Amino acid sequence: LVLEIIHRLPRNPDLEPHARKIQSTMFRLVERENEDCAQVCMRTIQEIHKTIRPQTQQDAQDVSSEVRTILQFVIASFKNLPVTMRHVLINDNPGNQKEPRTIPKATQSLKVLSDLPLLVVIFYQSKVDQQKIEEEVSNLIHIMLNSTLTLHPEPAIKNHDHFV
């Protein structure tokens, strides 16, 4: 609920002094929270990044550093995609009603993973520290293609009763 309230705060000059702190906190939560909370945090990061621009050189450096940290998280998430897929395919068992379904951590969530490219596009369009972001994005595209194009279920997962 608190994350939703923060997400719905109006993006006006009153929020600017707190924007970087909010954005930084939201990113730390993305790394630690479940997928639902992480999605709200990512939407908040996106909105702040789109609407509030750095005012000083120091702000621009702080934003650039934060963006590079987030991009490193995105790269690590896509490198970890095979492990995430294995976790999702093995633990997603709708036929077994005895086990309660748990919300996965953001780092093991396909929902969060599918939202990450949009976040990268917003960072890329912001033109903050453009050269370094271009290098990171170039690296990320290569990693995304390699991790998704070579992805396939393992034989043990294919033989599982719930594999479609």
C-alpha atoms as a PDB file:
ATOM      1  CA  LEU A   1       0.000   0.000   0.000  1.00  0.00           C
ATOM      2  CA  VAL A   2       2.803   2.424   0.876  1.00  0.00           C
ATOM      3  CA  LEU A   3       4.536   1.707  -2.433  1.00  0.00           C
ATOM      4  CA  GLU A   4       1.305   2.435  -4.316  1.00  0.00           C
ATOM      5  CA  ILE A   5       0.901   5.709  -2.426  1.00  0.00           C
ATOM      6  CA  ILE A   6       4.452   6.747  -3.292  1.00  0.00           C
ATOM      7  CA  HIS A   7       3.857   5.763  -6.907  1.00  0.00           C
ATOM      8  CA  ARG A   8       0.752   7.956  -7.046  1.00  0.00           C
ATOM      9  CA  LEU A   9       2.427  11.062  -5.630  1.00  0.00           C
ATOM     10  CA  PRO A  10       2.160  13.932  -8.109  1.00  0.00           C
ATOM     11  CA  ARG A  11       5.355  14.581 -10.059  1.00  0.00           C
ATOM     12  CA  ASN A  12       5.715  18.276  -9.334  1.00  0.00           C
ATOM     13  CA  PRO A  13       8.478  20.590  -8.057  1.00  0.00           C
ATOM     14  CA  ASP A  14       7.670  19.640  -4.461  1.00  0.00           C
ATOM     15  CA  LEU A  15       8.788  16.080  -5.152  1.00  0.00           C
ATOM     16  CA  GLU A  16      12.063  17.028  -6.868  1.00  0.00           C
ATOM     17  CA  PRO A  17      14.207  17.303  -3.701  1.00  0.00           C
ATOM     18  CA  HIS A  18      13.145  13.772  -2.752  1.00  0.00           C
ATOM     19  CA  ALA A  19      13.088  12.159  -6.192  1.00  0.00           C
ATOM     20  CA  ARG A  20      16.597  10.683  -6.181  1.00  0.00           C
ATOM     21  CA  LYS A  21      16.178   9.231  -2.702  1.00  0.00           C
ATOM     22  CA  ILE A  22      12.826   7.704  -3.681  1.00  0.00           C
ATOM     23  CA  GLN A  23      14.270   6.299  -6.894  1.00  0.00           C
ATOM     24  CA  SER A  24      17.261   4.831  -5.078  1.00  0.00           C
ATOM     25  CA  THR A  25      15.055   3.266  -2.404  1.00  0.00           C
ATOM     26  CA  MET A  26      12.711   1.835  -5.026  1.00  0.00           C
ATOM     27  CA  PHE A  27      15.611   0.186  -6.804  1.00  0.00           C
ATOM     28  CA  ARG A  28      16.882  -1.379  -3.575  1.00  0.00           C
ATOM     29  CA  LEU A  29      13.385  -2.756  -3.051  1.00  0.00           C
ATOM     30  CA  VAL A  30      13.330  -4.211  -6.577  1.00  0.00           C
ATOM     31  CA  GLU A  31      16.387  -6.240  -5.632  1.00  0.00           C
ATOM     32  CA  ARG A  32      14.805  -7.547  -2.418  1.00  0.00           C
ATOM     33  CA  GLU A  33      11.013  -7.639  -2.707  1.00  0.00           C
ATOM     34  CA  ASN A  34       8.515  -9.954  -4.366  1.00  0.00           C
ATOM     35  CA  GLU A  35       7.414  -9.468  -7.954  1.00  0.00           C
ATOM     36  CA  ASP A  36       4.266  -7.440  -7.189  1.00  0.00           C
ATOM     37  CA  CYS A  37       6.078  -4.889  -5.045  1.00  0.00           C
ATOM     38  CA  ALA A  38       8.964  -4.799  -7.508  1.00  0.00           C
ATOM     39  CA  GLN A  39       6.631  -3.942 -10.378  1.00  0.00           C
ATOM     40  CA  VAL A  40       5.222  -0.982  -8.445  1.00  0.00           C
ATOM     41  CA  CYS A  41       8.774   0.119  -7.624  1.00  0.00           C
ATOM     42  CA  MET A  42       9.804  -0.130 -11.274  1.00  0.00           C
ATOM     43  CA  ARG A  43       6.815   1.949 -12.390  1.00  0.00           C
ATOM     44  CA  THR A  44       7.786   4.568  -9.805  1.00  0.00           C
ATOM     45  CA  ILE A  45      11.402   4.603 -11.028  1.00  0.00           C
ATOM     46  CA  GLN A  46      10.163   4.983 -14.606  1.00  0.00           C
ATOM     47  CA  GLU A  47       7.829   7.860 -13.781  1.00  0.00           C
ATOM     48  CA  ILE A  48      10.417   9.735 -11.747  1.00  0.00           C
ATOM     49  CA  HIS A  49      13.040   9.256 -14.421  1.00  0.00           C
ATOM     50  CA  LYS A  50      10.684  10.465 -17.173  1.00  0.00           C
ATOM     51  CA  THR A  51       9.362  13.517 -15.362  1.00  0.00           C
ATOM     52  CA  ILE A  52      12.105  14.834 -13.086  1.00  0.00           C
ATOM     53  CA  ARG A  53      15.387  15.802 -14.708  1.00  0.00           C
ATOM     54  CA  PRO A  54      18.643  16.406 -12.846  1.00  0.00           C
ATOM     55  CA  GLN A  55      19.114  20.088 -12.017  1.00  0.00           C
ATOM     56  CA  THR A  56      22.822  20.162 -11.174  1.00  0.00           C
ATOM     57  CA  GLN A  57      25.955  18.404 -12.373  1.00  0.00           C
ATOM     58  CA  GLN A  58      26.056  16.456  -9.098  1.00  0.00           C
ATOM     59  CA  ASP A  59      22.449  15.334  -9.608  1.00  0.00           C
ATOM     60  CA  ALA A  60      23.341  14.190 -13.119  1.00  0.00           C
ATOM     61  CA  GLN A  61      26.292  12.175 -11.806  1.00  0.00           C
ATOM     62  CA  ASP A  62      24.129  10.600  -9.098  1.00  0.00           C
ATOM     63  CA  VAL A  63      21.462   9.688 -11.646  1.00  0.00           C
ATOM     64  CA  SER A  64      24.094   8.295 -13.998  1.00  0.00           C
ATOM     65  CA  SER A  65      25.548   6.140 -11.246  1.00  0.00           C
ATOM     66  CA  GLU A  66      22.101   4.877 -10.257  1.00  0.00           C
ATOM     67  CA  VAL A  67      21.196   4.117 -13.874  1.00  0.00           C
ATOM     68  CA  ARG A  68      24.405   2.134 -14.375  1.00  0.00           C
ATOM     69  CA  THR A  69      23.655   0.154 -11.199  1.00  0.00           C
ATOM     70  CA  ILE A  70      20.159  -0.624 -12.442  1.00  0.00           C
ATOM     71  CA  LEU A  71      21.517  -1.603 -15.861  1.00  0.00           C
ATOM     72  CA  GLN A  72      23.950  -3.989 -14.158  1.00  0.00           C
ATOM     73  CA  PHE A  73      20.954  -5.520 -12.362  1.00  0.00           C
ATOM     74  CA  VAL A  74      19.153  -5.901 -15.711  1.00  0.00           C
ATOM     75  CA  ILE A  75      22.219  -7.561 -17.248  1.00  0.00           C
ATOM     76  CA  ALA A  76      22.533  -9.940 -14.289  1.00  0.00           C
ATOM     77  CA  SER A  77      18.820 -10.756 -14.519  1.00  0.00           C
ATOM     78  CA  PHE A  78      19.084 -11.747 -18.171  1.00  0.00           C
ATOM     79  CA  LYS A  79      22.279 -13.716 -17.578  1.00  0.00           C
ATOM     80  CA  ASN A  80      20.383 -15.579 -14.870  1.00  0.00           C
ATOM     81  CA  LEU A  81      17.383 -16.266 -17.141  1.00  0.00           C
ATOM     82  CA  PRO A  82      18.018 -20.025 -17.535  1.00  0.00           C
ATOM     83  CA  VAL A  83      18.075 -20.453 -13.754  1.00  0.00           C
ATOM     84  CA  THR A  84      14.948 -18.318 -13.410  1.00  0.00           C
ATOM     85  CA  MET A  85      13.141 -20.361 -16.060  1.00  0.00           C
ATOM     86  CA  ARG A  86      14.109 -23.602 -14.344  1.00  0.00           C
ATOM     87  CA  HIS A  87      12.819 -22.228 -11.035  1.00  0.00           C
ATOM     88  CA  VAL A  88       9.550 -21.048 -12.583  1.00  0.00           C
ATOM     89  CA  LEU A  89       8.897 -24.244 -14.542  1.00  0.00           C
ATOM     90  CA  ILE A  90       9.652 -26.550 -11.633  1.00  0.00           C
ATOM     91  CA  ASN A  91       7.830 -24.545  -8.946  1.00  0.00           C
ATOM     92  CA  ASP A  92       4.802 -23.523 -10.991  1.00  0.00           C
ATOM     93  CA  ASN A  93       2.562 -26.456 -10.178  1.00  0.00           C
ATOM     94  CA  PRO A  94      -1.105 -25.472 -10.631  1.00  0.00           C
ATOM     95  CA  GLY A  95      -2.323 -29.063 -10.377  1.00  0.00           C
ATOM     96  CA  ASN A  96      -1.164 -29.455  -6.799  1.00  0.00           C
ATOM     97  CA  GLN A  97      -3.667 -27.562  -4.647  1.00  0.00           C
ATOM     98  CA  LYS A  98      -2.081 -28.678  -1.368  1.00  0.00           C
ATOM     99  CA  GLU A  99       0.873 -26.374  -1.789  1.00  0.00           C
ATOM    100  CA  PRO A 100       0.048 -22.670  -1.504  1.00  0.00           C
ATOM    101  CA  ARG A 101       1.351 -20.526  -4.335  1.00  0.00           C
ATOM    102  CA  THR A 102       3.939 -18.040  -3.234  1.00  0.00           C
ATOM    103  CA  ILE A 103       4.760 -14.799  -4.963  1.00  0.00           C
ATOM    104  CA  PRO A 104       8.284 -15.140  -6.335  1.00  0.00           C
ATOM    105  CA  LYS A 105      11.058 -12.735  -5.525  1.00  0.00           C
ATOM    106  CA  ALA A 106      11.600 -10.078  -8.146  1.00  0.00           C
ATOM    107  CA  THR A 107      14.928 -11.644  -9.087  1.00  0.00           C
ATOM    108  CA  GLN A 108      13.093 -14.883  -9.971  1.00  0.00           C
ATOM    109  CA  SER A 109      10.112 -13.319 -11.713  1.00  0.00           C
ATOM    110  CA  LEU A 110       9.317 -13.408 -15.394  1.00  0.00           C
ATOM    111  CA  LYS A 111       6.912 -10.489 -14.904  1.00  0.00           C
ATOM    112  CA  VAL A 112       9.712  -8.290 -13.602  1.00  0.00           C
ATOM    113  CA  LEU A 113      12.072  -9.576 -16.272  1.00  0.00           C
ATOM    114  CA  SER A 114       9.582  -8.644 -18.986  1.00  0.00           C
ATOM    115  CA  ASP A 115       9.332  -5.080 -17.594  1.00  0.00           C
ATOM    116  CA  LEU A 116      13.076  -4.482 -17.462  1.00  0.00           C
ATOM    117  CA  PRO A 117      13.560  -3.658 -21.180  1.00  0.00           C
ATOM    118  CA  LEU A 118      11.064  -0.782 -20.886  1.00  0.00           C
ATOM    119  CA  LEU A 119      13.080   0.621 -18.008  1.00  0.00           C
ATOM    120  CA  VAL A 120      16.227   0.388 -20.135  1.00  0.00           C
ATOM    121  CA  VAL A 121      14.521   2.242 -23.003  1.00  0.00           C
ATOM    122  CA  ILE A 122      13.490   5.052 -20.653  1.00  0.00           C
ATOM    123  CA  PHE A 123      17.052   5.361 -19.379  1.00  0.00           C
ATOM    124  CA  TYR A 124      18.382   5.334 -22.925  1.00  0.00           C
ATOM    125  CA  GLN A 125      15.988   8.076 -24.008  1.00  0.00           C
ATOM    126  CA  SER A 126      16.849  10.289 -21.047  1.00  0.00           C
ATOM    127  CA  LYS A 127      20.322  10.983 -22.479  1.00  0.00           C
ATOM    128  CA  VAL A 128      21.923  11.055 -19.028  1.00  0.00           C
ATOM    129  CA  ASP A 129      25.556   9.972 -19.475  1.00  0.00           C
ATOM    130  CA  GLN A 130      24.655   8.828 -22.972  1.00  0.00           C
ATOM    131  CA  GLN A 131      27.979   7.250 -23.939  1.00  0.00           C
ATOM    132  CA  LYS A 132      28.209   4.930 -20.942  1.00  0.00           C
ATOM    133  CA  ILE A 133      24.550   3.989 -21.207  1.00  0.00           C
ATOM    134  CA  GLU A 134      25.001   3.193 -24.905  1.00  0.00           C
ATOM    135  CA  GLU A 135      27.851   0.827 -24.017  1.00  0.00           C
ATOM    136  CA  GLU A 136      25.745  -0.865 -21.348  1.00  0.00           C
ATOM    137  CA  VAL A 137      22.724  -1.124 -23.645  1.00  0.00           C
ATOM    138  CA  SER A 138      24.849  -2.595 -26.426  1.00  0.00           C
ATOM    139  CA  ASN A 139      26.154  -5.203 -24.007  1.00  0.00           C
ATOM    140  CA  LEU A 140      22.640  -5.813 -22.690  1.00  0.00           C
ATOM    141  CA  ILE A 141      21.161  -6.395 -26.150  1.00  0.00           C
ATOM    142  CA  HIS A 142      23.821  -9.007 -26.851  1.00  0.00           C
ATOM    143  CA  ILE A 143      23.109 -10.730 -23.516  1.00  0.00           C
ATOM    144  CA  MET A 144      19.327 -10.564 -24.007  1.00  0.00           C
ATOM    145  CA  LEU A 145      19.541 -12.148 -27.433  1.00  0.00           C
ATOM    146  CA  ASN A 146      21.915 -14.876 -26.292  1.00  0.00           C
ATOM    147  CA  SER A 147      19.876 -15.725 -23.212  1.00  0.00           C
ATOM    148  CA  THR A 148      16.482 -15.774 -24.926  1.00  0.00           C
ATOM    149  CA  LEU A 149      17.304 -17.300 -28.306  1.00  0.00           C
ATOM    150  CA  THR A 150      19.111 -20.276 -26.794  1.00  0.00           C
ATOM    151  CA  LEU A 151      16.497 -20.871 -24.097  1.00  0.00           C
ATOM    152  CA  HIS A 152      14.706 -24.203 -24.091  1.00  0.00           C
ATOM    153  CA  PRO A 153      13.305 -26.468 -21.376  1.00  0.00           C
ATOM    154  CA  GLU A 154      15.520 -29.218 -20.080  1.00  0.00           C
ATOM    155  CA  PRO A 155      14.466 -32.857 -20.688  1.00  0.00           C
ATOM    156  CA  ALA A 156      13.564 -33.323 -17.009  1.00  0.00           C
ATOM    157  CA  ILE A 157      11.168 -30.393 -17.207  1.00  0.00           C
ATOM    158  CA  LYS A 158       9.681 -31.598 -20.499  1.00  0.00           C
ATOM    159  CA  ASN A 159       8.930 -34.956 -18.866  1.00  0.00           C
ATOM    160  CA  HIS A 160       7.132 -33.343 -15.939  1.00  0.00           C
ATOM    161  CA  ASP A 161       3.389 -34.089 -15.702  1.00  0.00           C
ATOM    162  CA  HIS A 162       2.394 -30.413 -15.945  1.00  0.00           C
ATOM    163  CA  PHE A 163       4.577 -29.512 -18.911  1.00  0.00           C
ATOM    164  CA  VAL A 164       2.431 -28.369 -21.833  1.00  0.00           C
END
